[in-house]
Amino acid sequence: MSKQRLEAFTDGVIAVIITIMVLDMKVPQGADFAALRSGLPVFLAYALSFTNVVIFWNNHHHMLHVTERIKGMVLWANLGRQHHGTTRLYFV
Protein backbone atom coordinates (compact mmCIF):
# COMPACT_ATOMS: atom_id res chain seq x y z
CA MET A 1 0.00 0.00 0.00
CA SER A 2 1.33 3.43 -0.86
CA LYS A 3 1.56 6.11 1.77
CA GLN A 4 -1.02 8.18 -0.14
CA ARG A 5 -3.57 5.38 0.25
CA LEU A 6 -2.78 5.01 3.94
CA GLU A 7 -3.09 8.76 4.38
CA ALA A 8 -6.44 8.81 2.54
CA PHE A 9 -7.72 5.90 4.65
CA THR A 10 -6.73 7.66 7.86
CA ASP A 11 -8.35 10.91 6.68
CA GLY A 12 -11.59 9.01 6.10
CA VAL A 13 -11.47 7.40 9.53
CA ILE A 14 -10.84 10.77 11.19
CA ALA A 15 -13.76 12.30 9.26
CA VAL A 16 -16.08 9.54 10.50
CA ILE A 17 -14.83 9.99 14.08
CA ILE A 18 -15.49 13.74 14.01
CA THR A 19 -18.93 13.17 12.50
CA ILE A 20 -19.88 10.63 15.18
CA MET A 21 -18.61 12.94 17.92
CA VAL A 22 -20.85 15.82 16.80
CA LEU A 23 -23.99 13.62 16.80
CA ASP A 24 -24.30 13.99 20.58
CA MET A 25 -24.70 17.77 20.33
CA LYS A 26 -28.32 18.91 20.49
CA VAL A 27 -29.90 22.08 19.10
CA PRO A 28 -30.68 24.56 21.92
CA GLN A 29 -34.39 24.95 22.76
CA GLY A 30 -34.27 28.75 22.73
CA ALA A 31 -32.39 31.60 21.13
CA ASP A 32 -31.16 33.25 24.31
CA PHE A 33 -27.91 32.80 26.23
CA ALA A 34 -29.56 30.67 28.94
CA ALA A 35 -30.55 28.09 26.33
CA LEU A 36 -27.00 28.03 24.98
CA ARG A 37 -25.54 27.73 28.48
CA SER A 38 -27.36 24.43 29.10
CA GLY A 39 -25.42 22.81 26.23
CA LEU A 40 -22.08 24.31 27.21
CA PRO A 41 -20.64 21.20 28.95
CA VAL A 42 -21.31 19.04 25.88
CA PHE A 43 -19.83 21.69 23.59
CA LEU A 44 -16.69 22.00 25.73
CA ALA A 45 -16.28 18.20 25.79
CA TYR A 46 -16.66 18.19 21.99
CA ALA A 47 -14.12 21.01 21.60
CA LEU A 48 -11.55 19.18 23.75
CA SER A 49 -12.14 15.89 21.94
CA PHE A 50 -11.97 17.60 18.55
CA THR A 51 -8.65 19.21 19.54
CA ASN A 52 -7.28 15.82 20.59
CA VAL A 53 -8.33 14.21 17.28
CA VAL A 54 -6.82 17.10 15.28
CA ILE A 55 -3.51 16.77 17.15
CA PHE A 56 -3.46 13.04 16.38
CA TRP A 57 -4.32 13.70 12.72
CA ASN A 58 -1.62 16.37 12.40
CA ASN A 59 1.03 14.12 13.96
CA HIS A 60 -0.02 11.26 11.69
CA HIS A 61 0.30 13.44 8.59
CA HIS A 62 3.73 14.62 9.71
CA MET A 63 4.83 11.02 10.28
CA LEU A 64 3.66 9.99 6.81
CA HIS A 65 5.35 12.96 5.12
CA VAL A 66 8.75 11.96 6.50
CA THR A 67 8.19 8.29 5.65
CA GLU A 68 9.68 7.02 2.41
CA ARG A 69 8.11 3.57 2.33
CA ILE A 70 5.36 1.77 4.23
CA LYS A 71 6.00 -1.77 5.45
CA GLY A 72 3.38 -4.24 6.65
CA MET A 73 3.96 -3.56 10.33
CA VAL A 74 3.17 0.11 9.81
CA LEU A 75 -0.26 -0.84 8.51
CA TRP A 76 -0.93 -2.85 11.67
CA ALA A 77 0.40 -0.08 13.89
CA ASN A 78 -1.81 2.39 12.06
CA LEU A 79 -4.82 0.28 13.02
CA GLY A 80 -3.72 0.41 16.65
CA ARG A 81 -2.72 -3.24 16.75
CA GLN A 82 0.12 -4.38 18.94
CA HIS A 83 2.70 -7.03 18.18
CA HIS A 84 4.16 -8.98 21.12
CA GLY A 85 3.05 -6.34 23.61
CA THR A 86 4.68 -3.36 21.86
CA THR A 87 3.77 -1.36 18.81
CA ARG A 88 6.67 -1.42 16.36
CA LEU A 89 7.00 1.02 13.50
CA TYR A 90 9.42 0.24 10.71
CA PHE A 91 10.34 3.15 8.50
CA VAL A 92 13.08 3.02 5.88
PDB file of N, CA and C in Angstrom:
ATOM      1  N   MET A   1       0.852  -1.177   0.000  1.00  0.00           N
ATOM      2  CA  MET A   1       0.000   0.000   0.000  1.00  0.00           C
ATOM      3  C   MET A   1       0.895   1.235   0.000  1.00  0.00           C
ATOM      4  N   SER A   2       0.543   2.198  -0.808  1.00  0.00           N
ATOM      5  CA  SER A   2       1.328   3.431  -0.859  1.00  0.00           C
ATOM      6  C   SER A   2       0.961   4.313   0.332  1.00  0.00           C
ATOM      7  N   LYS A   3       1.842   5.246   0.633  1.00  0.00           N
ATOM      8  CA  LYS A   3       1.558   6.108   1.773  1.00  0.00           C
ATOM      9  C   LYS A   3       0.396   7.049   1.482  1.00  0.00           C
ATOM     10  N   GLN A   4       0.144   7.341   0.196  1.00  0.00           N
ATOM     11  CA  GLN A   4      -1.017   8.176  -0.137  1.00  0.00           C
ATOM     12  C   GLN A   4      -2.323   7.450   0.182  1.00  0.00           C
ATOM     13  N   ARG A   5      -2.365   6.148  -0.070  1.00  0.00           N
ATOM     14  CA  ARG A   5      -3.569   5.375   0.248  1.00  0.00           C
ATOM     15  C   ARG A   5      -3.770   5.281   1.752  1.00  0.00           C
ATOM     16  N   LEU A   6      -2.688   5.071   2.482  1.00  0.00           N
ATOM     17  CA  LEU A   6      -2.779   5.012   3.942  1.00  0.00           C
ATOM     18  C   LEU A   6      -3.230   6.353   4.499  1.00  0.00           C
ATOM     19  N   GLU A   7      -2.708   7.426   3.943  1.00  0.00           N
ATOM     20  CA  GLU A   7      -3.091   8.762   4.385  1.00  0.00           C
ATOM     21  C   GLU A   7      -4.565   9.034   4.086  1.00  0.00           C
ATOM     22  N   ALA A   8      -5.032   8.628   2.904  1.00  0.00           N
ATOM     23  CA  ALA A   8      -6.438   8.814   2.544  1.00  0.00           C
ATOM     24  C   ALA A   8      -7.350   7.987   3.446  1.00  0.00           C
ATOM     25  N   PHE A   9      -6.933   6.753   3.747  1.00  0.00           N
ATOM     26  CA  PHE A   9      -7.715   5.901   4.646  1.00  0.00           C
ATOM     27  C   PHE A   9      -7.840   6.545   6.020  1.00  0.00           C
ATOM     28  N   THR A  10      -6.727   7.030   6.541  1.00  0.00           N
ATOM     29  CA  THR A  10      -6.734   7.660   7.863  1.00  0.00           C
ATOM     30  C   THR A  10      -7.581   8.927   7.853  1.00  0.00           C
ATOM     31  N   ASP A  11      -7.512   9.708   6.782  1.00  0.00           N
ATOM     32  CA  ASP A  11      -8.351  10.906   6.679  1.00  0.00           C
ATOM     33  C   ASP A  11      -9.830  10.538   6.743  1.00  0.00           C
ATOM     34  N   GLY A  12     -10.203   9.454   6.072  1.00  0.00           N
ATOM     35  CA  GLY A  12     -11.594   9.006   6.101  1.00  0.00           C
ATOM     36  C   GLY A  12     -12.022   8.574   7.487  1.00  0.00           C
ATOM     37  N   VAL A  13     -11.155   7.847   8.171  1.00  0.00           N
ATOM     38  CA  VAL A  13     -11.470   7.399   9.528  1.00  0.00           C
ATOM     39  C   VAL A  13     -11.636   8.599  10.460  1.00  0.00           C
ATOM     40  N   ILE A  14     -10.747   9.565  10.347  1.00  0.00           N
ATOM     41  CA  ILE A  14     -10.838  10.773  11.185  1.00  0.00           C
ATOM     42  C   ILE A  14     -12.133  11.532  10.897  1.00  0.00           C
ATOM     43  N   ALA A  15     -12.517  11.617   9.616  1.00  0.00           N
ATOM     44  CA  ALA A  15     -13.763  12.305   9.262  1.00  0.00           C
ATOM     45  C   ALA A  15     -14.965  11.612   9.887  1.00  0.00           C
ATOM     46  N   VAL A  16     -14.980  10.286   9.881  1.00  0.00           N
ATOM     47  CA  VAL A  16     -16.077   9.542  10.499  1.00  0.00           C
ATOM     48  C   VAL A  16     -16.089   9.766  12.007  1.00  0.00           C
ATOM     49  N   ILE A  17     -14.915   9.766  12.631  1.00  0.00           N
ATOM     50  CA  ILE A  17     -14.833   9.986  14.082  1.00  0.00           C
ATOM     51  C   ILE A  17     -15.391  11.353  14.452  1.00  0.00           C
ATOM     52  N   ILE A  18     -15.000  12.384  13.714  1.00  0.00           N
ATOM     53  CA  ILE A  18     -15.485  13.743  14.011  1.00  0.00           C
ATOM     54  C   ILE A  18     -16.994  13.820  13.797  1.00  0.00           C
ATOM     55  N   THR A  19     -17.492  13.158  12.767  1.00  0.00           N
ATOM     56  CA  THR A  19     -18.932  13.168  12.502  1.00  0.00           C
ATOM     57  C   THR A  19     -19.694  12.479  13.632  1.00  0.00           C
ATOM     58  N   ILE A  20     -19.205  11.340  14.086  1.00  0.00           N
ATOM     59  CA  ILE A  20     -19.876  10.628  15.177  1.00  0.00           C
ATOM     60  C   ILE A  20     -19.837  11.451  16.463  1.00  0.00           C
ATOM     61  N   MET A  21     -18.720  12.132  16.700  1.00  0.00           N
ATOM     62  CA  MET A  21     -18.613  12.943  17.920  1.00  0.00           C
ATOM     63  C   MET A  21     -19.665  14.053  17.949  1.00  0.00           C
ATOM     64  N   VAL A  22     -19.942  14.673  16.820  1.00  0.00           N
ATOM     65  CA  VAL A  22     -20.851  15.816  16.796  1.00  0.00           C
ATOM     66  C   VAL A  22     -22.319  15.376  16.916  1.00  0.00           C
ATOM     67  N   LEU A  23     -22.609  14.092  16.728  1.00  0.00           N
ATOM     68  CA  LEU A  23     -23.993  13.622  16.800  1.00  0.00           C
ATOM     69  C   LEU A  23     -24.602  13.778  18.189  1.00  0.00           C
ATOM     70  N   ASP A  24     -23.789  13.852  19.219  1.00  0.00           N
ATOM     71  CA  ASP A  24     -24.302  13.990  20.582  1.00  0.00           C
ATOM     72  C   ASP A  24     -24.723  15.421  20.900  1.00  0.00           C
ATOM     73  N   MET A  25     -24.341  16.365  20.075  1.00  0.00           N
ATOM     74  CA  MET A  25     -24.702  17.766  20.330  1.00  0.00           C
ATOM     75  C   MET A  25     -26.150  18.002  19.895  1.00  0.00           C
ATOM     76  N   LYS A  26     -26.908  18.634  20.758  1.00  0.00           N
ATOM     77  CA  LYS A  26     -28.318  18.914  20.490  1.00  0.00           C
ATOM     78  C   LYS A  26     -28.518  20.394  20.182  1.00  0.00           C
ATOM     79  N   VAL A  27     -29.544  20.690  19.417  1.00  0.00           N
ATOM     80  CA  VAL A  27     -29.895  22.077  19.103  1.00  0.00           C
ATOM     81  C   VAL A  27     -30.532  22.695  20.345  1.00  0.00           C
ATOM     82  N   PRO A  28     -30.090  23.910  20.740  1.00  0.00           N
ATOM     83  CA  PRO A  28     -30.682  24.557  21.922  1.00  0.00           C
ATOM     84  C   PRO A  28     -32.183  24.809  21.727  1.00  0.00           C
ATOM     85  N   GLN A  29     -32.936  24.771  22.824  1.00  0.00           N
ATOM     86  CA  GLN A  29     -34.386  24.953  22.762  1.00  0.00           C
ATOM     87  C   GLN A  29     -34.790  26.403  22.508  1.00  0.00           C
ATOM     88  N   GLY A  30     -33.943  27.341  22.917  1.00  0.00           N
ATOM     89  CA  GLY A  30     -34.274  28.751  22.735  1.00  0.00           C
ATOM     90  C   GLY A  30     -33.147  29.480  22.029  1.00  0.00           C
ATOM     91  N   ALA A  31     -33.371  30.787  21.826  1.00  0.00           N
ATOM     92  CA  ALA A  31     -32.385  31.603  21.131  1.00  0.00           C
ATOM     93  C   ALA A  31     -31.624  32.523  22.080  1.00  0.00           C
ATOM     94  N   ASP A  32     -31.848  32.382  23.372  1.00  0.00           N
ATOM     95  CA  ASP A  32     -31.160  33.253  24.313  1.00  0.00           C
ATOM     96  C   ASP A  32     -29.924  32.561  24.894  1.00  0.00           C
ATOM     97  N   PHE A  33     -29.160  33.322  25.677  1.00  0.00           N
ATOM     98  CA  PHE A  33     -27.911  32.801  26.233  1.00  0.00           C
ATOM     99  C   PHE A  33     -28.154  31.677  27.233  1.00  0.00           C
ATOM    100  N   ALA A  34     -29.252  31.719  27.958  1.00  0.00           N
ATOM    101  CA  ALA A  34     -29.565  30.672  28.937  1.00  0.00           C
ATOM    102  C   ALA A  34     -29.746  29.325  28.247  1.00  0.00           C
ATOM    103  N   ALA A  35     -30.358  29.334  27.084  1.00  0.00           N
ATOM    104  CA  ALA A  35     -30.548  28.086  26.332  1.00  0.00           C
ATOM    105  C   ALA A  35     -29.205  27.558  25.835  1.00  0.00           C
ATOM    106  N   LEU A  36     -28.324  28.455  25.428  1.00  0.00           N
ATOM    107  CA  LEU A  36     -26.995  28.031  24.982  1.00  0.00           C
ATOM    108  C   LEU A  36     -26.153  27.514  26.143  1.00  0.00           C
ATOM    109  N   ARG A  37     -26.329  28.114  27.314  1.00  0.00           N
ATOM    110  CA  ARG A  37     -25.544  27.729  28.481  1.00  0.00           C
ATOM    111  C   ARG A  37     -25.825  26.287  28.900  1.00  0.00           C
ATOM    112  N   SER A  38     -27.029  25.802  28.692  1.00  0.00           N
ATOM    113  CA  SER A  38     -27.355  24.429  29.099  1.00  0.00           C
ATOM    114  C   SER A  38     -26.560  23.401  28.285  1.00  0.00           C
ATOM    115  N   GLY A  39     -26.193  23.723  27.064  1.00  0.00           N
ATOM    116  CA  GLY A  39     -25.417  22.809  26.233  1.00  0.00           C
ATOM    117  C   GLY A  39     -23.927  23.044  26.294  1.00  0.00           C
ATOM    118  N   LEU A  40     -23.495  23.958  27.135  1.00  0.00           N
ATOM    119  CA  LEU A  40     -22.081  24.312  27.207  1.00  0.00           C
ATOM    120  C   LEU A  40     -21.168  23.144  27.613  1.00  0.00           C
ATOM    121  N   PRO A  41     -21.531  22.318  28.603  1.00  0.00           N
ATOM    122  CA  PRO A  41     -20.638  21.196  28.949  1.00  0.00           C
ATOM    123  C   PRO A  41     -20.416  20.227  27.785  1.00  0.00           C
ATOM    124  N   VAL A  42     -21.460  19.939  27.026  1.00  0.00           N
ATOM    125  CA  VAL A  42     -21.314  19.041  25.877  1.00  0.00           C
ATOM    126  C   VAL A  42     -20.439  19.697  24.813  1.00  0.00           C
ATOM    127  N   PHE A  43     -20.636  20.989  24.584  1.00  0.00           N
ATOM    128  CA  PHE A  43     -19.827  21.687  23.590  1.00  0.00           C
ATOM    129  C   PHE A  43     -18.349  21.724  23.997  1.00  0.00           C
ATOM    130  N   LEU A  44     -18.075  21.976  25.272  1.00  0.00           N
ATOM    131  CA  LEU A  44     -16.689  21.995  25.733  1.00  0.00           C
ATOM    132  C   LEU A  44     -16.044  20.610  25.615  1.00  0.00           C
ATOM    133  N   ALA A  45     -16.799  19.563  25.943  1.00  0.00           N
ATOM    134  CA  ALA A  45     -16.279  18.200  25.786  1.00  0.00           C
ATOM    135  C   ALA A  45     -15.994  17.918  24.314  1.00  0.00           C
ATOM    136  N   TYR A  46     -16.881  18.366  23.422  1.00  0.00           N
ATOM    137  CA  TYR A  46     -16.657  18.188  21.991  1.00  0.00           C
ATOM    138  C   TYR A  46     -15.414  18.952  21.546  1.00  0.00           C
ATOM    139  N   ALA A  47     -15.267  20.188  22.000  1.00  0.00           N
ATOM    140  CA  ALA A  47     -14.115  21.007  21.597  1.00  0.00           C
ATOM    141  C   ALA A  47     -12.801  20.369  22.045  1.00  0.00           C
ATOM    142  N   LEU A  48     -12.761  19.847  23.265  1.00  0.00           N
ATOM    143  CA  LEU A  48     -11.546  19.184  23.747  1.00  0.00           C
ATOM    144  C   LEU A  48     -11.274  17.894  22.970  1.00  0.00           C
ATOM    145  N   SER A  49     -12.306  17.123  22.718  1.00  0.00           N
ATOM    146  CA  SER A  49     -12.142  15.890  21.944  1.00  0.00           C
ATOM    147  C   SER A  49     -11.720  16.189  20.515  1.00  0.00           C
ATOM    148  N   PHE A  50     -12.324  17.201  19.909  1.00  0.00           N
ATOM    149  CA  PHE A  50     -11.968  17.598  18.554  1.00  0.00           C
ATOM    150  C   PHE A  50     -10.499  18.020  18.497  1.00  0.00           C
ATOM    151  N   THR A  51     -10.054  18.787  19.490  1.00  0.00           N
ATOM    152  CA  THR A  51      -8.652  19.214  19.541  1.00  0.00           C
ATOM    153  C   THR A  51      -7.724  18.006  19.640  1.00  0.00           C
ATOM    154  N   ASN A  52      -8.083  17.035  20.453  1.00  0.00           N
ATOM    155  CA  ASN A  52      -7.284  15.822  20.586  1.00  0.00           C
ATOM    156  C   ASN A  52      -7.201  15.054  19.266  1.00  0.00           C
ATOM    157  N   VAL A  53      -8.315  14.919  18.572  1.00  0.00           N
ATOM    158  CA  VAL A  53      -8.334  14.213  17.282  1.00  0.00           C
ATOM    159  C   VAL A  53      -7.503  14.971  16.251  1.00  0.00           C
ATOM    160  N   VAL A  54      -7.597  16.291  16.236  1.00  0.00           N
ATOM    161  CA  VAL A  54      -6.822  17.096  15.281  1.00  0.00           C
ATOM    162  C   VAL A  54      -5.324  16.976  15.561  1.00  0.00           C
ATOM    163  N   ILE A  55      -4.936  16.938  16.822  1.00  0.00           N
ATOM    164  CA  ILE A  55      -3.512  16.768  17.155  1.00  0.00           C
ATOM    165  C   ILE A  55      -3.030  15.405  16.660  1.00  0.00           C
ATOM    166  N   PHE A  56      -3.819  14.362  16.882  1.00  0.00           N
ATOM    167  CA  PHE A  56      -3.458  13.040  16.377  1.00  0.00           C
ATOM    168  C   PHE A  56      -3.330  13.053  14.857  1.00  0.00           C
ATOM    169  N   TRP A  57      -4.309  13.648  14.184  1.00  0.00           N
ATOM    170  CA  TRP A  57      -4.322  13.703  12.720  1.00  0.00           C
ATOM    171  C   TRP A  57      -3.101  14.462  12.195  1.00  0.00           C
ATOM    172  N   ASN A  58      -2.770  15.572  12.820  1.00  0.00           N
ATOM    173  CA  ASN A  58      -1.623  16.373  12.404  1.00  0.00           C
ATOM    174  C   ASN A  58      -0.322  15.587  12.587  1.00  0.00           C
ATOM    175  N   ASN A  59      -0.163  14.929  13.722  1.00  0.00           N
ATOM    176  CA  ASN A  59       1.034  14.122  13.956  1.00  0.00           C
ATOM    177  C   ASN A  59       1.126  12.970  12.962  1.00  0.00           C
ATOM    178  N   HIS A  60       0.001  12.362  12.644  1.00  0.00           N
ATOM    179  CA  HIS A  60      -0.018  11.258  11.692  1.00  0.00           C
ATOM    180  C   HIS A  60       0.413  11.742  10.308  1.00  0.00           C
ATOM    181  N   HIS A  61      -0.098  12.886   9.891  1.00  0.00           N
ATOM    182  CA  HIS A  61       0.301  13.437   8.589  1.00  0.00           C
ATOM    183  C   HIS A  61       1.792  13.756   8.565  1.00  0.00           C
ATOM    184  N   HIS A  62       2.291  14.312   9.651  1.00  0.00           N
ATOM    185  CA  HIS A  62       3.727  14.615   9.707  1.00  0.00           C
ATOM    186  C   HIS A  62       4.545  13.328   9.615  1.00  0.00           C
ATOM    187  N   MET A  63       4.126  12.297  10.333  1.00  0.00           N
ATOM    188  CA  MET A  63       4.825  11.018  10.282  1.00  0.00           C
ATOM    189  C   MET A  63       4.837  10.454   8.860  1.00  0.00           C
ATOM    190  N   LEU A  64       3.722  10.541   8.165  1.00  0.00           N
ATOM    191  CA  LEU A  64       3.661   9.993   6.806  1.00  0.00           C
ATOM    192  C   LEU A  64       4.459  10.831   5.814  1.00  0.00           C
ATOM    193  N   HIS A  65       4.576  12.114   6.047  1.00  0.00           N
ATOM    194  CA  HIS A  65       5.347  12.959   5.124  1.00  0.00           C
ATOM    195  C   HIS A  65       6.846  12.697   5.219  1.00  0.00           C
ATOM    196  N   VAL A  66       7.325  12.259   6.366  1.00  0.00           N
ATOM    197  CA  VAL A  66       8.751  11.960   6.503  1.00  0.00           C
ATOM    198  C   VAL A  66       9.056  10.497   6.213  1.00  0.00           C
ATOM    199  N   THR A  67       8.020   9.703   5.947  1.00  0.00           N
ATOM    200  CA  THR A  67       8.191   8.292   5.646  1.00  0.00           C
ATOM    201  C   THR A  67       8.413   8.099   4.155  1.00  0.00           C
ATOM    202  N   GLU A  68       9.405   7.295   3.815  1.00  0.00           N
ATOM    203  CA  GLU A  68       9.680   7.018   2.409  1.00  0.00           C
ATOM    204  C   GLU A  68       8.914   5.808   1.899  1.00  0.00           C
ATOM    205  N   ARG A  69       8.752   4.805   2.752  1.00  0.00           N
ATOM    206  CA  ARG A  69       8.112   3.569   2.326  1.00  0.00           C
ATOM    207  C   ARG A  69       7.334   2.986   3.504  1.00  0.00           C
ATOM    208  N   ILE A  70       6.198   2.375   3.203  1.00  0.00           N
ATOM    209  CA  ILE A  70       5.359   1.773   4.228  1.00  0.00           C
ATOM    210  C   ILE A  70       5.557   0.263   4.190  1.00  0.00           C
ATOM    211  N   LYS A  71       5.902  -0.318   5.334  1.00  0.00           N
ATOM    212  CA  LYS A  71       6.001  -1.772   5.451  1.00  0.00           C
ATOM    213  C   LYS A  71       4.737  -2.307   6.127  1.00  0.00           C
ATOM    214  N   GLY A  72       4.581  -3.614   6.111  1.00  0.00           N
ATOM    215  CA  GLY A  72       3.383  -4.237   6.655  1.00  0.00           C
ATOM    216  C   GLY A  72       3.118  -3.921   8.109  1.00  0.00           C
ATOM    217  N   MET A  73       4.164  -3.841   8.914  1.00  0.00           N
ATOM    218  CA  MET A  73       3.965  -3.560  10.331  1.00  0.00           C
ATOM    219  C   MET A  73       3.410  -2.155  10.558  1.00  0.00           C
ATOM    220  N   VAL A  74       3.710  -1.249   9.680  1.00  0.00           N
ATOM    221  CA  VAL A  74       3.175   0.112   9.813  1.00  0.00           C
ATOM    222  C   VAL A  74       1.664   0.090   9.627  1.00  0.00           C
ATOM    223  N   LEU A  75       1.187  -0.738   8.711  1.00  0.00           N
ATOM    224  CA  LEU A  75      -0.258  -0.842   8.512  1.00  0.00           C
ATOM    225  C   LEU A  75      -0.941  -1.342   9.777  1.00  0.00           C
ATOM    226  N   TRP A  76      -0.358  -2.341  10.432  1.00  0.00           N
ATOM    227  CA  TRP A  76      -0.935  -2.854  11.667  1.00  0.00           C
ATOM    228  C   TRP A  76      -0.850  -1.816  12.780  1.00  0.00           C
ATOM    229  N   ALA A  77       0.257  -1.122  12.867  1.00  0.00           N
ATOM    230  CA  ALA A  77       0.404  -0.083  13.887  1.00  0.00           C
ATOM    231  C   ALA A  77      -0.589   1.047  13.647  1.00  0.00           C
ATOM    232  N   ASN A  78      -0.854   1.343  12.393  1.00  0.00           N
ATOM    233  CA  ASN A  78      -1.811   2.393  12.056  1.00  0.00           C
ATOM    234  C   ASN A  78      -3.222   2.017  12.517  1.00  0.00           C
ATOM    235  N   LEU A  79      -3.514   0.742  12.541  1.00  0.00           N
ATOM    236  CA  LEU A  79      -4.816   0.284  13.016  1.00  0.00           C
ATOM    237  C   LEU A  79      -4.865   0.152  14.534  1.00  0.00           C
ATOM    238  N   GLY A  80      -3.750   0.463  15.197  1.00  0.00           N
ATOM    239  CA  GLY A  80      -3.716   0.412  16.647  1.00  0.00           C
ATOM    240  C   GLY A  80      -3.449  -0.976  17.180  1.00  0.00           C
ATOM    241  N   ARG A  81      -3.030  -1.876  16.312  1.00  0.00           N
ATOM    242  CA  ARG A  81      -2.722  -3.239  16.746  1.00  0.00           C
ATOM    243  C   ARG A  81      -1.364  -3.257  17.429  1.00  0.00           C
ATOM    244  N   GLN A  82      -1.168  -4.227  18.271  1.00  0.00           N
ATOM    245  CA  GLN A  82       0.119  -4.376  18.936  1.00  0.00           C
ATOM    246  C   GLN A  82       0.683  -5.740  18.603  1.00  0.00           C
ATOM    247  N   HIS A  83       1.995  -5.800  18.504  1.00  0.00           N
ATOM    248  CA  HIS A  83       2.701  -7.035  18.178  1.00  0.00           C
ATOM    249  C   HIS A  83       3.618  -7.395  19.339  1.00  0.00           C
ATOM    250  N   HIS A  84       3.371  -8.513  19.976  1.00  0.00           N
ATOM    251  CA  HIS A  84       4.161  -8.977  21.116  1.00  0.00           C
ATOM    252  C   HIS A  84       4.227  -7.932  22.236  1.00  0.00           C
ATOM    253  N   GLY A  85       3.116  -7.257  22.483  1.00  0.00           N
ATOM    254  CA  GLY A  85       3.053  -6.337  23.612  1.00  0.00           C
ATOM    255  C   GLY A  85       3.560  -4.925  23.322  1.00  0.00           C
ATOM    256  N   THR A  86       4.199  -4.700  22.186  1.00  0.00           N
ATOM    257  CA  THR A  86       4.678  -3.360  21.861  1.00  0.00           C
ATOM    258  C   THR A  86       4.326  -3.036  20.422  1.00  0.00           C
ATOM    259  N   THR A  87       4.029  -1.790  20.167  1.00  0.00           N
ATOM    260  CA  THR A  87       3.775  -1.361  18.807  1.00  0.00           C
ATOM    261  C   THR A  87       5.108  -1.030  18.167  1.00  0.00           C
ATOM    262  N   ARG A  88       5.387  -1.634  17.034  1.00  0.00           N
ATOM    263  CA  ARG A  88       6.665  -1.419  16.362  1.00  0.00           C
ATOM    264  C   ARG A  88       6.424  -0.768  15.022  1.00  0.00           C
ATOM    265  N   LEU A  89       7.088   0.329  14.771  1.00  0.00           N
ATOM    266  CA  LEU A  89       7.004   1.020  13.495  1.00  0.00           C
ATOM    267  C   LEU A  89       8.313   0.844  12.755  1.00  0.00           C
ATOM    268  N   TYR A  90       8.224   0.436  11.517  1.00  0.00           N
ATOM    269  CA  TYR A  90       9.418   0.241  10.709  1.00  0.00           C
ATOM    270  C   TYR A  90       9.377   1.200   9.534  1.00  0.00           C
ATOM    271  N   PHE A  91      10.226   2.187   9.583  1.00  0.00           N
ATOM    272  CA  PHE A  91      10.341   3.155   8.496  1.00  0.00           C
ATOM    273  C   PHE A  91      11.718   3.026   7.886  1.00  0.00           C
ATOM    274  N   VAL A  92      11.782   3.087   6.563  1.00  0.00           N
ATOM    275  CA  VAL A  92      13.080   3.024   5.876  1.00  0.00           C
ATOM    276  C   VAL A  92      13.201   4.281   5.037  1.00  0.00           C
TER     277      VAL A  92
END
